[in-house]
């Protein structure tokens, strides 16, 4: 008797050469999908890259006709443009789509999801959706904080995200590494990715010829928070700044409550929303502490003595592992 088409346990990672694609593959191999038929595809420029899957050598393939055939799930982990170019083909193959690239946010064809979002929105898990959007670490943090504090008479939330160079992929990491060595050797710095000095430097924008844009990152975070909040909480003001670090999204938020909120209630709401609150006597959240973590770390909020009802928040998350881990959790709930 032939097995049903969907019984193939075939999973496709589209954008497999990206940092998140690589992390996702590793996490899938450690999950209950370890025995799945894992296919790795990417843009033509990455096709032919030698990697490994399930302990064996594997080659990343270009997207071709039939690349998504009989796939139960297609994860998009590459560039937004790559996702938009291949989204329809994945849906026509009747695969469930989980997008980690932000490529479908503008089209509004996907349901935003992260752990605890259903609880925060008081909704049932939307299991029958055709496609889902897993927000970035920064977008998840912004949405979690906004929704968690909404019930405490949130008046205003301003979020500042400090973006690492790994958001620009391996090329961004290599450029920071190269610039750091060049500056320590008193040499001029190369700037092919960012068109700016990113080592030992904080920035609110990159150069005009940069391959990446902090404004685009800012717009993506806004769209992610909006998609998650579903008009049930006020939108935060968002700023994104470059931080001269390799990995880890850190953020600070200034929150105003009217009337003023109680410290214990604030902490309780944040804990229930899924934040891991740093205990007293231990180092606060930071890039190093957050590395490898699957949750968002948050320092205990501190009131601003000059403005009653105003609180400061500080947090950190692994910008690669967090969305990849959330995507695996989502896949486990779907299948």
Protein backbone atom coordinates (compact mmCIF):
# COMPACT_ATOMS: atom_id res chain seq x y z
CA UNK A 1 0.00 0.00 0.00
CA UNK A 2 1.47 3.37 -1.02
CA UNK A 3 2.08 5.88 1.71
CA UNK A 4 0.26 9.25 1.52
CA UNK A 5 2.27 11.96 -0.15
CA UNK A 6 2.63 13.96 3.09
CA UNK A 7 4.03 10.92 4.91
CA UNK A 8 7.45 11.43 3.36
CA UNK A 9 8.77 13.49 6.31
CA UNK A 10 10.53 15.72 3.81
CA UNK A 11 11.73 19.10 5.11
CA UNK A 12 13.31 21.82 2.97
CA UNK A 13 15.55 24.60 4.28
CA UNK A 14 15.49 27.32 1.64
CA UNK A 15 18.41 29.60 2.39
CA UNK A 16 20.48 26.81 3.91
CA UNK A 17 23.83 28.62 3.62
CA UNK A 18 22.74 31.50 5.88
CA UNK A 19 23.69 31.65 9.55
CA UNK A 20 20.12 30.95 10.65
CA UNK A 21 19.78 28.21 8.03
CA UNK A 22 22.88 26.48 9.37
CA UNK A 23 21.66 26.81 12.97
CA UNK A 24 18.21 25.55 12.05
CA UNK A 25 19.66 22.46 10.37
CA UNK A 26 21.65 21.68 13.51
CA UNK A 27 18.62 22.07 15.77
CA UNK A 28 16.42 19.96 13.50
CA UNK A 29 18.98 17.15 13.67
CA UNK A 30 18.73 17.28 17.48
CA UNK A 31 14.92 17.29 17.48
CA UNK A 32 12.31 14.65 16.68
CA UNK A 33 12.89 15.53 13.01
CA UNK A 34 16.32 13.90 13.13
CA UNK A 35 15.16 11.12 10.78
CA UNK A 36 13.49 13.48 8.29
CA UNK A 37 14.54 13.71 4.65
CA UNK A 38 16.30 17.08 4.86
CA UNK A 39 16.83 19.02 1.62
CA UNK A 40 19.10 22.08 1.49
CA UNK A 41 18.51 24.70 -1.21
CA UNK A 42 19.61 28.28 -1.70
CA UNK A 43 20.25 31.04 -4.21
CA UNK A 44 22.41 30.22 -7.22
CA UNK A 45 25.44 31.97 -5.71
CA UNK A 46 25.40 29.52 -2.76
CA UNK A 47 24.50 26.42 -4.77
CA UNK A 48 27.22 23.78 -4.77
CA UNK A 49 28.41 24.64 -1.26
CA UNK A 50 29.55 21.50 0.54
CA UNK A 51 28.07 20.99 4.00
CA UNK A 52 26.76 18.06 6.03
CA UNK A 53 23.37 16.74 7.02
CA UNK A 54 22.67 13.89 9.43
CA UNK A 55 26.40 13.31 9.75
CA UNK A 56 26.94 12.85 6.02
CA UNK A 57 28.27 15.11 3.29
CA UNK A 58 25.61 17.19 1.56
CA UNK A 59 25.62 19.78 -1.20
CA UNK A 60 23.36 22.83 -1.19
CA UNK A 61 21.27 22.78 -4.36
CA UNK A 62 19.72 25.62 -6.38
CA UNK A 63 15.95 25.96 -6.37
CA UNK A 64 14.54 24.06 -9.33
CA UNK A 65 11.22 22.67 -10.44
CA UNK A 66 10.32 20.03 -7.88
CA UNK A 67 12.54 21.42 -5.11
CA UNK A 68 9.52 21.64 -2.79
CA UNK A 69 7.68 18.53 -4.03
CA UNK A 70 6.22 16.39 -1.24
CA UNK A 71 7.72 18.64 1.46
CA UNK A 72 5.84 18.76 4.71
CA UNK A 73 7.53 21.99 5.77
CA UNK A 74 9.61 24.58 3.94
CA UNK A 75 11.69 26.88 6.13
CA UNK A 76 12.79 30.14 4.49
CA UNK A 77 16.00 31.37 6.12
CA UNK A 78 17.69 33.36 3.36
CA UNK A 79 17.18 36.90 2.11
CA UNK A 80 13.68 38.44 1.96
CA UNK A 81 13.95 38.67 -1.83
CA UNK A 82 14.76 34.95 -2.07
CA UNK A 83 11.70 34.16 0.06
CA UNK A 84 9.41 36.32 -2.06
CA UNK A 85 10.73 34.72 -5.24
CA UNK A 86 9.99 31.16 -4.05
CA UNK A 87 7.08 31.49 -1.64
CA UNK A 88 4.38 30.73 -4.21
CA UNK A 89 6.20 27.61 -5.44
CA UNK A 90 6.39 26.29 -1.88
CA UNK A 91 2.69 26.91 -1.32
CA UNK A 92 1.75 25.33 -4.66
CA UNK A 93 3.57 22.22 -3.45
CA UNK A 94 1.14 22.27 -0.48
CA UNK A 95 3.96 22.54 2.04
CA UNK A 96 3.57 24.37 5.31
CA UNK A 97 5.78 27.45 5.15
CA UNK A 98 7.74 28.84 8.11
CA UNK A 99 9.46 32.10 7.20
CA UNK A 100 12.37 33.40 9.27
CA UNK A 101 13.49 35.99 6.72
CA UNK A 102 10.77 38.60 7.08
CA UNK A 103 10.08 38.27 3.38
CA UNK A 104 6.35 37.69 3.75
CA UNK A 105 5.59 40.41 6.29
CA UNK A 106 4.84 43.04 3.66
CA UNK A 107 2.51 40.63 1.85
CA UNK A 108 0.68 39.79 5.09
CA UNK A 109 0.20 36.20 3.95
CA UNK A 110 1.61 34.59 7.11
CA UNK A 111 0.58 34.24 10.75
CA UNK A 112 3.15 35.60 13.20
CA UNK A 113 4.14 33.16 15.94
CA UNK A 114 6.56 32.71 18.81
CA UNK A 115 6.23 30.77 22.09
CA UNK A 116 3.75 32.47 24.45
CA UNK A 117 2.23 34.64 21.71
CA UNK A 118 -1.00 32.64 21.74
CA UNK A 119 -1.20 33.15 25.52
CA UNK A 120 -0.43 36.85 25.23
CA UNK A 121 -3.17 37.30 22.61
CA UNK A 122 -5.63 34.96 24.38
CA UNK A 123 -6.06 32.98 21.16
CA UNK A 124 -5.95 29.33 20.21
CA UNK A 125 -2.88 28.14 18.34
CA UNK A 126 -3.61 28.76 14.62
CA UNK A 127 -2.69 25.23 13.54
CA UNK A 128 -4.47 25.34 10.19
CA UNK A 129 -2.61 28.32 8.73
CA UNK A 130 -0.73 27.70 5.48
CA UNK A 131 2.26 29.86 6.37
CA UNK A 132 3.83 31.31 9.50
CA UNK A 133 6.26 34.10 10.28
CA UNK A 134 8.86 33.61 13.04
CA UNK A 135 10.08 37.09 14.04
CA UNK A 136 13.70 38.06 14.52
CA UNK A 137 15.12 38.11 18.04
CA UNK A 138 14.67 41.89 18.23
CA UNK A 139 11.14 41.74 16.84
CA UNK A 140 10.22 38.99 19.28
CA UNK A 141 11.60 41.02 22.20
CA UNK A 142 9.68 44.11 21.15
CA UNK A 143 6.41 42.20 20.73
CA UNK A 144 6.82 40.28 24.00
CA UNK A 145 7.53 43.43 25.97
CA UNK A 146 4.68 45.38 24.39
CA UNK A 147 2.07 42.66 24.92
CA UNK A 148 3.31 41.70 28.39
CA UNK A 149 3.03 45.26 29.68
CA UNK A 150 -0.16 46.20 27.88
CA UNK A 151 -2.38 45.03 30.75
CA UNK A 152 -0.51 47.30 33.18
CA UNK A 153 -1.85 50.47 31.53
CA UNK A 154 1.05 50.88 29.15
CA UNK A 155 1.11 54.46 27.86
CA UNK A 156 4.28 54.54 25.77
CA UNK A 157 7.17 52.23 24.93
CA UNK A 158 10.38 53.30 23.19
CA UNK A 159 12.67 50.49 22.06
CA UNK A 160 16.32 50.87 21.04
CA UNK A 161 17.91 47.77 19.45
CA UNK A 162 21.68 47.34 19.15
CA UNK A 163 22.28 45.23 16.05
CA UNK A 164 25.30 42.91 15.66
CA UNK A 165 27.13 42.47 12.36
CA UNK A 166 25.93 38.85 12.09
CA UNK A 167 22.60 40.27 10.89
CA UNK A 168 24.52 40.89 7.64
CA UNK A 169 25.58 37.24 7.48
CA UNK A 170 29.05 35.76 7.28
CA UNK A 171 30.28 38.66 5.17
CA UNK A 172 29.41 41.06 7.98
CA UNK A 173 31.24 38.94 10.55
CA UNK A 174 34.33 38.75 8.34
CA UNK A 175 34.32 42.51 7.78
CA UNK A 176 34.23 43.30 11.51
CA UNK A 177 36.96 40.75 12.15
CA UNK A 178 39.14 42.18 9.36
CA UNK A 179 38.57 45.79 10.38
CA UNK A 180 39.43 45.00 14.01
CA UNK A 181 42.77 43.49 12.98
CA UNK A 182 43.52 46.33 10.59
CA UNK A 183 42.83 49.02 13.17
CA UNK A 184 44.91 47.29 15.83
CA UNK A 185 47.73 47.20 13.26
CA UNK A 186 47.21 50.91 12.44
CA UNK A 187 46.08 50.13 8.90
CA UNK A 188 43.26 51.56 6.84
CA UNK A 189 40.07 49.53 6.96
CA UNK A 190 38.20 47.84 4.12
CA UNK A 191 34.46 48.54 3.91
CA UNK A 192 32.92 46.37 1.16
CA UNK A 193 29.86 45.30 3.20
CA UNK A 194 28.98 48.25 5.40
CA UNK A 195 30.73 51.15 3.61
CA UNK A 196 31.69 52.40 7.07
CA UNK A 197 33.98 51.63 9.97
CA UNK A 198 32.03 49.14 12.06
CA UNK A 199 34.86 48.11 14.39
CA UNK A 200 35.11 50.09 17.65
CA UNK A 201 32.27 52.29 16.42
CA UNK A 202 28.58 52.87 17.16
CA UNK A 203 26.45 54.05 14.22
CA UNK A 204 22.89 55.03 13.42
CA UNK A 205 23.40 54.26 9.71
CA UNK A 206 25.89 52.63 7.37
CA UNK A 207 27.48 54.19 4.31
CA UNK A 208 25.53 54.96 1.13
CA UNK A 209 27.06 51.96 -0.68
CA UNK A 210 26.34 49.49 2.15
CA UNK A 211 24.79 46.12 1.29
CA UNK A 212 22.64 46.31 4.43
CA UNK A 213 20.50 49.01 5.99
CA UNK A 214 19.70 49.80 9.59
CA UNK A 215 16.55 51.52 8.36
CA UNK A 216 15.42 48.26 6.76
CA UNK A 217 16.10 46.44 10.04
CA UNK A 218 14.07 49.09 11.86
CA UNK A 219 11.15 48.69 9.47
CA UNK A 220 11.25 44.91 9.79
CA UNK A 221 11.09 45.08 13.59
CA UNK A 222 8.13 47.45 13.38
CA UNK A 223 6.30 45.11 11.01
CA UNK A 224 7.06 42.11 13.23
CA UNK A 225 5.74 43.82 16.35
CA UNK A 226 2.66 44.99 14.47
CA UNK A 227 2.01 41.49 13.11
CA UNK A 228 2.37 39.95 16.58
CA UNK A 229 0.42 42.61 18.49
CA UNK A 230 -2.59 42.30 16.15
CA UNK A 231 -3.78 45.81 17.10
CA UNK A 232 -4.20 44.74 20.73
CA UNK A 233 -1.43 46.98 22.10
CA UNK A 234 0.08 50.35 21.20
CA UNK A 235 3.01 50.23 18.79
CA UNK A 236 6.41 51.04 20.28
CA UNK A 237 8.75 53.67 18.91
CA UNK A 238 11.74 51.78 17.46
CA UNK A 239 15.35 52.78 16.80
CA UNK A 240 18.08 50.43 15.54
CA UNK A 241 21.76 51.20 16.10
CA UNK A 242 24.87 49.36 14.98
CA UNK A 243 26.89 47.74 17.76
CA UNK A 244 30.49 46.60 17.04
CA UNK A 245 29.85 43.01 18.15
CA UNK A 246 29.64 39.75 16.23
CA UNK A 247 26.57 38.09 17.70
CA UNK A 248 23.65 38.84 19.99
CA UNK A 249 20.87 41.41 19.83
CA UNK A 250 20.73 43.67 22.86
CA UNK A 251 18.05 46.25 23.54
CA UNK A 252 16.93 48.90 25.98
CA UNK A 253 13.39 50.14 26.43
CA UNK A 254 11.89 53.13 28.18
CA UNK A 255 8.34 52.38 29.30
CA UNK A 256 5.72 54.77 30.67
CA UNK A 257 2.69 53.58 32.64
CA UNK A 258 -0.38 55.62 33.52
CA UNK A 259 -1.18 55.11 36.35
CA UNK A 260 2.25 53.95 37.63
CA UNK A 261 2.79 50.18 37.72
CA UNK A 262 4.04 48.03 40.57
CA UNK A 263 7.50 46.42 40.33
CA UNK A 264 6.29 42.95 41.29
CA UNK A 265 3.48 43.04 38.72
CA UNK A 266 5.88 44.18 36.00
CA UNK A 267 8.28 41.33 36.74
CA UNK A 268 5.42 38.82 36.96
CA UNK A 269 4.03 39.88 33.57
CA UNK A 270 7.44 39.68 31.93
CA UNK A 271 8.12 36.24 33.41
CA UNK A 272 4.76 34.89 32.24
CA UNK A 273 5.43 36.30 28.77
CA UNK A 274 8.56 34.15 28.53
CA UNK A 275 11.42 36.46 29.53
CA UNK A 276 14.17 34.94 31.67
CA UNK A 277 14.79 37.50 34.44
CA UNK A 278 18.41 37.73 35.59
CA UNK A 279 18.71 37.01 39.33
CA UNK A 280 20.47 39.34 41.74
CA UNK A 281 24.19 38.78 42.16
CA UNK A 282 24.77 37.49 38.61
CA UNK A 283 26.03 39.37 35.55
CA UNK A 284 23.28 41.16 33.68
CA UNK A 285 22.13 40.18 30.18
CA UNK A 286 24.63 40.77 27.40
CA UNK A 287 25.87 39.35 24.12
CA UNK A 288 28.13 36.81 25.81
CA UNK A 289 25.62 35.66 28.42
CA UNK A 290 22.86 35.28 25.81
CA UNK A 291 24.97 33.17 23.43
CA UNK A 292 23.37 29.78 22.90
CA UNK A 293 20.22 30.65 24.85
CA UNK A 294 16.77 29.87 23.47
CA UNK A 295 15.01 32.53 25.54
CA UNK A 296 15.29 36.30 25.85
CA UNK A 297 17.19 37.47 28.92
CA UNK A 298 15.94 40.51 30.80
CA UNK A 299 17.42 42.48 33.68
CA UNK A 300 15.10 43.49 36.47
CA UNK A 301 13.40 46.72 35.41
CA UNK A 302 14.51 49.93 37.13
CA UNK A 303 12.30 52.97 37.79
CA UNK A 304 13.41 56.41 36.62
CA UNK A 305 13.45 58.59 39.76
CA UNK A 306 12.89 61.76 37.76
CA UNK A 307 9.67 60.56 36.14
CA UNK A 308 7.18 58.56 38.25
CA UNK A 309 5.62 55.77 36.22
CA UNK A 310 8.64 55.48 33.90
CA UNK A 311 10.76 52.31 33.88
CA UNK A 312 13.94 51.23 32.09
CA UNK A 313 14.45 47.74 30.68
CA UNK A 314 17.59 46.03 29.40
CA UNK A 315 17.76 42.68 27.63
CA UNK A 316 19.68 40.41 25.27
CA UNK A 317 19.02 37.47 22.97
CA UNK A 318 20.96 35.17 20.67
CA UNK A 319 19.92 36.58 17.29
CA UNK A 320 20.71 33.32 15.47
CA UNK A 321 19.65 30.56 17.86
CA UNK A 322 16.45 32.15 19.21
CA UNK A 323 14.50 32.37 15.92
CA UNK A 324 15.85 28.99 14.77
CA UNK A 325 14.77 27.34 18.02
CA UNK A 326 11.33 29.00 17.82
CA UNK A 327 10.93 27.71 14.27
CA UNK A 328 11.68 24.14 15.39
CA UNK A 329 9.13 24.46 18.22
CA UNK A 330 6.56 25.67 15.72
CA UNK A 331 7.27 22.76 13.37
CA UNK A 332 6.85 20.30 16.26
CA UNK A 333 3.44 21.80 17.03
CA UNK A 334 2.36 21.58 13.39
CA UNK A 335 3.32 17.95 12.72
